[in-house]
Amino acid sequence: MYAVDPAGNWSEAAVPFIKTTLPAAPQPEPSNGLIIAGGTIEQTDGIQFLDGQGNPLRGTIAIDERGQFTFTPKPRLVTGDNVVIRVADPVGNSIEVPVPIQSTPPVPAVVSEFTSQVVAGYAQPGSTVTVTDKNGALLGTVTAGLDGYFEIKLALAPTRNEVITLLVTDELGNESAEVHMRLSAASILIERPVLAATDTQIVHGFGYLPGEHVTATVGDSRVAPVEAVADANGNVSVSIPLEARAGLGPHTVLLAGAETSLRSEPFTVAEHRLLFLATTGSEAGFWAGLSLLALMLGVAATTRGYWKAGKHRAP
């Protein structure tokens, strides 16, 4: 290649530098929309973050001495946003790479056990479950298993009526809504430890917060959950129509407050209704019922014998 001036003088021959090699493609990690990171670029390359129409996104770009980059968008990106990284070298060669955005929060933890020593339940498989006290101090953390089950042994035992917080964080850093649980002396009592499949079970709860929403469910059944609100004394009564949706055999009533640990009590669905057991849900009530039945049978037998004896003496 030569250059010629207006007077017709020719320059010395020069060989132009031609570069058509594309920059190395970055390898961004899936993002939760709060920050985009992953991969490196050359120090001489430029980087842009674009939306689906090719417009630059607002945010802060940081590149360290090794060429590793991060991008903090403002506002946060959300699931469904189309984001592209464009890397260009000094001569204009460029390459574009899409960034997957997943900002959907995980489902809050479902607690199945809460005592002063342990919190257990279910969360998104592979997610991190964290328990903190009212001041934000860490009480325990664990990764939910493949089946979603988690169990956390608490570093410090919560005091009575202390509220703890459970938070689920997925692998991208998305956080669930917080779950608040209160360690209390709540208790429940069922009126009928044995009843028929079409009967209504009545459950009484004690020790809840005044105005606390309480949900009663019957485990291993198709019985619809029933909600109630604790009164000013923290007591609540819930009527649960079985409506033939619980099979014969043992079942468990679960009473869960919005901020109170779960409480449960067993009962049995029998083929025939046993009225004498419809007094309390305690073991004492059960034996009292049996005693009443024995007494009734004894009275019946005595009456029958008396009647026969009287009939025998009749002239």
Protein backbone atom coordinates (compact mmCIF):
# COMPACT_ATOMS: atom_id res chain seq x y z
CA MET A 1 0.00 0.00 0.00
CA TYR A 2 1.30 3.48 -0.96
CA ALA A 3 0.42 7.08 -0.17
CA VAL A 4 0.61 9.81 -2.84
CA ASP A 5 0.72 13.54 -2.03
CA PRO A 6 -0.76 16.30 -4.30
CA ALA A 7 2.63 16.79 -5.95
CA GLY A 8 2.72 13.19 -7.07
CA ASN A 9 5.29 11.97 -4.59
CA TRP A 10 4.89 8.37 -3.53
CA SER A 11 5.53 7.07 -0.07
CA GLU A 12 7.38 3.97 0.79
CA ALA A 13 5.38 0.79 0.58
CA ALA A 14 3.57 -0.24 3.78
CA VAL A 15 1.78 -3.43 4.73
CA PRO A 16 -1.52 -2.73 6.55
CA PHE A 17 -2.39 -4.63 9.74
CA ILE A 18 -5.61 -6.58 9.26
CA LYS A 19 -7.29 -8.29 12.24
CA THR A 20 -10.51 -10.20 11.82
CA THR A 21 -10.27 -12.52 14.80
CA LEU A 22 -13.23 -12.08 17.13
CA PRO A 23 -12.65 -11.38 20.82
CA ALA A 24 -12.90 -14.30 23.18
CA ALA A 25 -16.53 -14.87 24.12
CA PRO A 26 -17.30 -14.23 27.80
CA GLN A 27 -19.02 -16.99 29.74
CA PRO A 28 -21.51 -15.23 32.02
CA GLU A 29 -23.16 -17.16 34.80
CA PRO A 30 -26.96 -17.24 35.08
CA SER A 31 -27.98 -14.10 36.97
CA ASN A 32 -30.63 -13.27 39.55
CA GLY A 33 -30.90 -9.82 38.01
CA LEU A 34 -28.99 -8.07 40.77
CA ILE A 35 -25.52 -8.63 39.32
CA ILE A 36 -24.02 -10.19 36.18
CA ALA A 37 -20.62 -11.82 36.40
CA GLY A 38 -18.52 -14.57 34.87
CA GLY A 39 -15.68 -14.82 32.40
CA THR A 40 -12.92 -12.38 31.48
CA ILE A 41 -12.08 -9.96 28.69
CA GLU A 42 -8.79 -8.62 27.37
CA GLN A 43 -7.60 -5.40 28.93
CA THR A 44 -7.77 -3.68 25.54
CA ASP A 45 -11.30 -4.86 24.79
CA GLY A 46 -14.47 -2.94 25.57
CA ILE A 47 -17.66 -4.39 27.04
CA GLN A 48 -21.30 -3.32 26.88
CA PHE A 49 -24.49 -4.70 28.36
CA LEU A 50 -27.48 -4.32 26.04
CA ASP A 51 -31.20 -5.01 26.15
CA GLY A 52 -33.09 -7.00 23.52
CA GLN A 53 -33.27 -3.98 21.20
CA GLY A 54 -29.55 -3.28 21.40
CA ASN A 55 -29.87 -0.35 23.79
CA PRO A 56 -27.26 0.02 26.55
CA LEU A 57 -28.51 -0.93 30.00
CA ARG A 58 -28.10 1.43 32.91
CA GLY A 59 -25.79 0.25 35.65
CA THR A 60 -22.23 0.00 36.90
CA ILE A 61 -19.47 -1.99 35.17
CA ALA A 62 -16.39 -3.07 37.12
CA ILE A 63 -13.34 -4.83 35.61
CA ASP A 64 -10.40 -5.98 37.74
CA GLU A 65 -6.75 -6.32 36.75
CA ARG A 66 -7.33 -9.86 35.50
CA GLY A 67 -10.13 -8.80 33.16
CA GLN A 68 -12.92 -10.30 35.27
CA PHE A 69 -16.03 -8.18 35.02
CA THR A 70 -19.23 -7.53 36.93
CA PHE A 71 -22.27 -5.50 35.99
CA THR A 72 -24.78 -4.15 38.52
CA PRO A 73 -27.92 -3.05 36.64
CA LYS A 74 -30.15 -0.24 37.83
CA PRO A 75 -32.99 -1.10 38.17
CA ARG A 76 -32.81 -4.83 38.82
CA LEU A 77 -33.36 -7.14 35.86
CA VAL A 78 -36.16 -9.68 36.07
CA THR A 79 -37.05 -13.03 34.56
CA GLY A 80 -37.93 -12.54 30.89
CA ASP A 81 -35.58 -9.61 30.27
CA ASN A 82 -33.37 -10.10 27.22
CA VAL A 83 -29.78 -9.19 28.07
CA VAL A 84 -26.75 -9.38 25.79
CA ILE A 85 -23.06 -8.83 26.52
CA ARG A 86 -21.14 -7.27 23.64
CA VAL A 87 -17.33 -7.40 23.68
CA ALA A 88 -15.40 -5.40 21.05
CA ASP A 89 -11.67 -5.18 20.36
CA PRO A 90 -9.86 -1.92 19.40
CA VAL A 91 -10.36 -2.47 15.64
CA GLY A 92 -14.10 -3.07 15.91
CA ASN A 93 -14.42 -6.85 15.90
CA SER A 94 -17.18 -7.78 18.31
CA ILE A 95 -19.07 -10.73 19.70
CA GLU A 96 -22.36 -10.94 21.58
CA VAL A 97 -23.39 -13.44 24.25
CA PRO A 98 -26.86 -13.70 25.88
CA VAL A 99 -27.25 -13.74 29.66
CA PRO A 100 -29.99 -15.91 31.25
CA ILE A 101 -31.92 -13.96 33.92
CA GLN A 102 -33.78 -15.85 36.64
CA SER A 103 -35.16 -13.62 39.38
CA THR A 104 -38.10 -15.74 40.55
CA PRO A 105 -37.84 -16.17 44.34
CA PRO A 106 -38.01 -19.67 45.82
CA VAL A 107 -41.07 -20.82 47.72
CA PRO A 108 -40.88 -20.07 51.47
CA ALA A 109 -39.92 -22.91 53.77
CA VAL A 110 -42.66 -25.21 55.06
CA VAL A 111 -41.93 -26.07 58.68
CA SER A 112 -42.95 -29.50 59.95
CA GLU A 113 -41.12 -29.43 63.29
CA PHE A 114 -40.04 -26.61 65.56
CA THR A 115 -38.65 -27.06 69.05
CA SER A 116 -36.07 -25.25 71.15
CA GLN A 117 -33.39 -27.54 69.64
CA VAL A 118 -34.34 -28.09 66.00
CA VAL A 119 -36.21 -26.67 63.03
CA ALA A 120 -37.14 -29.07 60.24
CA GLY A 121 -39.29 -28.98 57.14
CA TYR A 122 -39.15 -28.68 53.37
CA ALA A 123 -37.74 -26.12 50.92
CA GLN A 124 -36.60 -25.97 47.30
CA PRO A 125 -34.06 -28.80 46.72
CA GLY A 126 -30.50 -27.47 46.78
CA SER A 127 -31.52 -24.16 48.33
CA THR A 128 -29.98 -22.77 51.50
CA VAL A 129 -32.23 -22.45 54.55
CA THR A 130 -31.12 -19.93 57.18
CA VAL A 131 -32.54 -19.38 60.67
CA THR A 132 -31.95 -16.12 62.54
CA ASP A 133 -33.21 -14.68 65.81
CA LYS A 134 -35.09 -11.41 66.30
CA ASN A 135 -31.79 -9.49 66.21
CA GLY A 136 -30.62 -11.12 62.97
CA ALA A 137 -28.04 -13.35 64.66
CA LEU A 138 -27.50 -16.66 62.87
CA LEU A 139 -28.98 -19.67 64.66
CA GLY A 140 -28.26 -22.23 61.95
CA THR A 141 -28.12 -22.91 58.23
CA VAL A 142 -28.27 -25.98 55.98
CA THR A 143 -28.77 -26.99 52.34
CA ALA A 144 -32.09 -28.67 51.54
CA GLY A 145 -31.69 -32.22 50.21
CA LEU A 146 -32.77 -33.63 46.87
CA ASP A 147 -36.22 -34.28 48.32
CA GLY A 148 -36.33 -30.78 49.78
CA TYR A 149 -36.08 -31.92 53.40
CA PHE A 150 -33.95 -29.89 55.79
CA GLU A 151 -33.16 -30.11 59.49
CA ILE A 152 -31.31 -27.42 61.41
CA LYS A 153 -29.96 -27.90 64.92
CA LEU A 154 -30.17 -24.48 66.51
CA ALA A 155 -26.96 -23.00 67.93
CA LEU A 156 -28.93 -21.24 70.67
CA ALA A 157 -32.29 -22.30 72.02
CA PRO A 158 -34.98 -19.65 71.46
CA THR A 159 -36.75 -18.50 74.59
CA ARG A 160 -40.48 -18.88 75.04
CA ASN A 161 -42.46 -16.56 72.75
CA GLU A 162 -39.30 -15.56 70.87
CA VAL A 163 -39.83 -15.20 67.13
CA ILE A 164 -37.30 -16.71 64.74
CA THR A 165 -37.03 -16.12 61.00
CA LEU A 166 -36.51 -18.67 58.22
CA LEU A 167 -35.19 -17.56 54.84
CA VAL A 168 -34.70 -19.72 51.72
CA THR A 169 -32.01 -18.67 49.22
CA ASP A 170 -31.67 -20.44 45.87
CA GLU A 171 -28.42 -21.12 44.03
CA LEU A 172 -28.62 -17.78 42.19
CA GLY A 173 -29.11 -15.78 45.37
CA ASN A 174 -32.87 -15.19 45.05
CA GLU A 175 -34.50 -14.99 48.46
CA SER A 176 -37.92 -16.24 49.49
CA ALA A 177 -40.41 -14.40 51.62
CA GLU A 178 -39.52 -14.71 55.29
CA VAL A 179 -41.27 -17.22 57.52
CA HIS A 180 -41.68 -16.18 61.16
CA MET A 181 -42.20 -18.79 63.83
CA ARG A 182 -42.83 -18.31 67.53
CA LEU A 183 -41.73 -20.85 70.10
CA SER A 184 -44.65 -21.04 72.47
CA ALA A 185 -46.37 -23.29 74.93
CA ALA A 186 -49.30 -23.75 72.56
CA SER A 187 -51.29 -26.94 73.00
CA ILE A 188 -54.33 -28.55 71.42
CA LEU A 189 -57.12 -30.83 72.52
CA ILE A 190 -59.47 -32.83 70.30
CA GLU A 191 -62.98 -33.61 71.43
CA ARG A 192 -63.30 -37.00 69.77
CA PRO A 193 -60.38 -39.42 69.61
CA VAL A 194 -62.62 -41.89 67.75
CA LEU A 195 -65.36 -40.89 65.32
CA ALA A 196 -67.08 -41.90 62.09
CA ALA A 197 -65.96 -40.83 58.63
CA THR A 198 -68.93 -38.47 58.23
CA ASP A 199 -68.61 -36.81 61.64
CA THR A 200 -67.12 -33.42 62.48
CA GLN A 201 -63.94 -33.24 64.53
CA ILE A 202 -63.63 -30.31 66.92
CA VAL A 203 -60.18 -29.09 67.92
CA HIS A 204 -59.37 -26.61 70.68
CA GLY A 205 -56.10 -24.70 70.71
CA PHE A 206 -54.55 -22.79 73.60
CA GLY A 207 -51.57 -20.47 73.98
CA TYR A 208 -51.71 -18.69 70.62
CA LEU A 209 -51.32 -14.97 70.05
CA PRO A 210 -54.55 -12.99 70.31
CA GLY A 211 -55.85 -12.50 66.78
CA GLU A 212 -53.43 -15.05 65.33
CA HIS A 213 -54.70 -16.93 62.27
CA VAL A 214 -54.68 -20.67 62.89
CA THR A 215 -55.10 -23.41 60.28
CA ALA A 216 -56.28 -26.94 61.10
CA THR A 217 -55.48 -29.79 58.73
CA VAL A 218 -55.93 -33.55 58.84
CA GLY A 219 -52.85 -35.41 57.73
CA ASP A 220 -53.00 -38.17 55.11
CA SER A 221 -56.50 -37.28 53.98
CA ARG A 222 -58.51 -35.19 51.52
CA VAL A 223 -60.17 -33.20 54.28
CA ALA A 224 -60.14 -29.49 53.44
CA PRO A 225 -58.10 -27.23 55.77
CA VAL A 226 -60.12 -25.00 58.10
CA GLU A 227 -58.98 -21.59 59.34
CA ALA A 228 -59.93 -19.72 62.50
CA VAL A 229 -58.71 -16.74 64.53
CA ALA A 230 -57.54 -16.96 68.14
CA ASP A 231 -59.59 -14.91 70.61
CA ALA A 232 -58.31 -12.25 73.02
CA ASN A 233 -57.03 -14.99 75.36
CA GLY A 234 -55.16 -16.83 72.64
CA ASN A 235 -57.68 -19.66 72.47
CA VAL A 236 -59.24 -21.02 69.32
CA SER A 237 -61.78 -23.72 68.43
CA VAL A 238 -62.01 -25.25 64.96
CA SER A 239 -64.70 -27.53 63.56
CA ILE A 240 -63.41 -29.86 60.83
CA PRO A 241 -66.09 -31.69 58.80
CA LEU A 242 -64.56 -35.00 57.69
CA GLU A 243 -67.19 -35.51 54.97
CA ALA A 244 -65.99 -39.09 54.36
CA ARG A 245 -62.66 -37.76 53.06
CA ALA A 246 -60.55 -39.50 55.70
CA GLY A 247 -60.12 -43.26 55.43
CA LEU A 248 -60.65 -45.67 58.27
CA GLY A 249 -57.77 -45.82 60.71
CA PRO A 250 -55.46 -43.38 62.51
CA HIS A 251 -55.05 -39.75 61.47
CA THR A 252 -53.43 -36.64 62.90
CA VAL A 253 -54.86 -33.18 63.36
CA LEU A 254 -52.29 -30.43 62.78
CA LEU A 255 -52.89 -26.97 64.21
CA ALA A 256 -50.56 -24.33 62.79
CA GLY A 257 -50.53 -20.69 63.78
CA ALA A 258 -49.14 -17.95 61.55
CA GLU A 259 -46.40 -17.34 64.13
CA THR A 260 -46.64 -20.40 66.36
CA SER A 261 -45.00 -23.79 66.10
CA LEU A 262 -47.06 -26.76 64.91
CA ARG A 263 -49.04 -28.84 67.34
CA SER A 264 -50.65 -32.19 66.55
CA GLU A 265 -52.96 -34.74 68.11
CA PRO A 266 -53.94 -38.22 66.84
CA PHE A 267 -57.45 -39.56 66.36
CA THR A 268 -59.03 -42.57 64.68
CA VAL A 269 -61.76 -42.86 62.08
CA ALA A 270 -63.85 -45.94 62.87
CA GLU A 271 -66.61 -47.68 60.96
CA HIS A 272 -69.16 -46.95 63.71
CA ARG A 273 -69.59 -43.88 65.85
CA LEU A 274 -68.62 -44.29 69.52
CA LEU A 275 -70.51 -41.58 71.40
CA PHE A 276 -68.95 -42.28 74.77
CA LEU A 277 -65.54 -41.14 73.45
CA ALA A 278 -66.74 -37.70 72.42
CA THR A 279 -65.61 -35.94 75.60
CA THR A 280 -61.88 -35.12 75.55
CA GLY A 281 -58.84 -35.86 73.51
CA SER A 282 -56.74 -37.09 76.41
CA GLU A 283 -55.78 -40.61 77.36
CA ALA A 284 -57.68 -40.12 80.61
CA GLY A 285 -60.79 -39.35 78.60
CA PHE A 286 -60.31 -42.51 76.59
CA TRP A 287 -60.12 -44.72 79.67
CA ALA A 288 -63.02 -42.83 81.22
CA GLY A 289 -65.01 -43.65 78.11
CA LEU A 290 -64.11 -47.31 78.39
CA SER A 291 -65.11 -47.28 82.04
CA LEU A 292 -68.43 -45.70 81.12
CA LEU A 293 -69.00 -48.38 78.50
CA ALA A 294 -68.22 -51.13 80.99
CA LEU A 295 -70.57 -49.53 83.48
CA MET A 296 -73.33 -49.33 80.89
CA LEU A 297 -72.84 -52.96 79.92
CA GLY A 298 -72.91 -53.95 83.60
CA VAL A 299 -76.13 -52.06 84.23
CA ALA A 300 -77.69 -53.62 81.15
CA ALA A 301 -76.70 -57.11 82.26
CA THR A 302 -78.05 -56.53 85.77
CA THR A 303 -81.32 -55.15 84.44
CA ARG A 304 -81.70 -58.08 82.10
CA GLY A 305 -81.06 -60.53 84.94
CA TYR A 306 -83.50 -58.73 87.19
CA TRP A 307 -86.14 -58.79 84.50
CA LYS A 308 -85.65 -62.50 83.91
CA ALA A 309 -85.75 -63.21 87.62
CA GLY A 310 -88.95 -61.22 88.06
CA LYS A 311 -90.55 -62.96 85.13
CA HIS A 312 -89.58 -66.35 86.55
CA ARG A 313 -91.28 -65.55 89.90
CA ALA A 314 -94.46 -64.32 88.28
CA PRO A 315 -97.48 -66.65 88.98
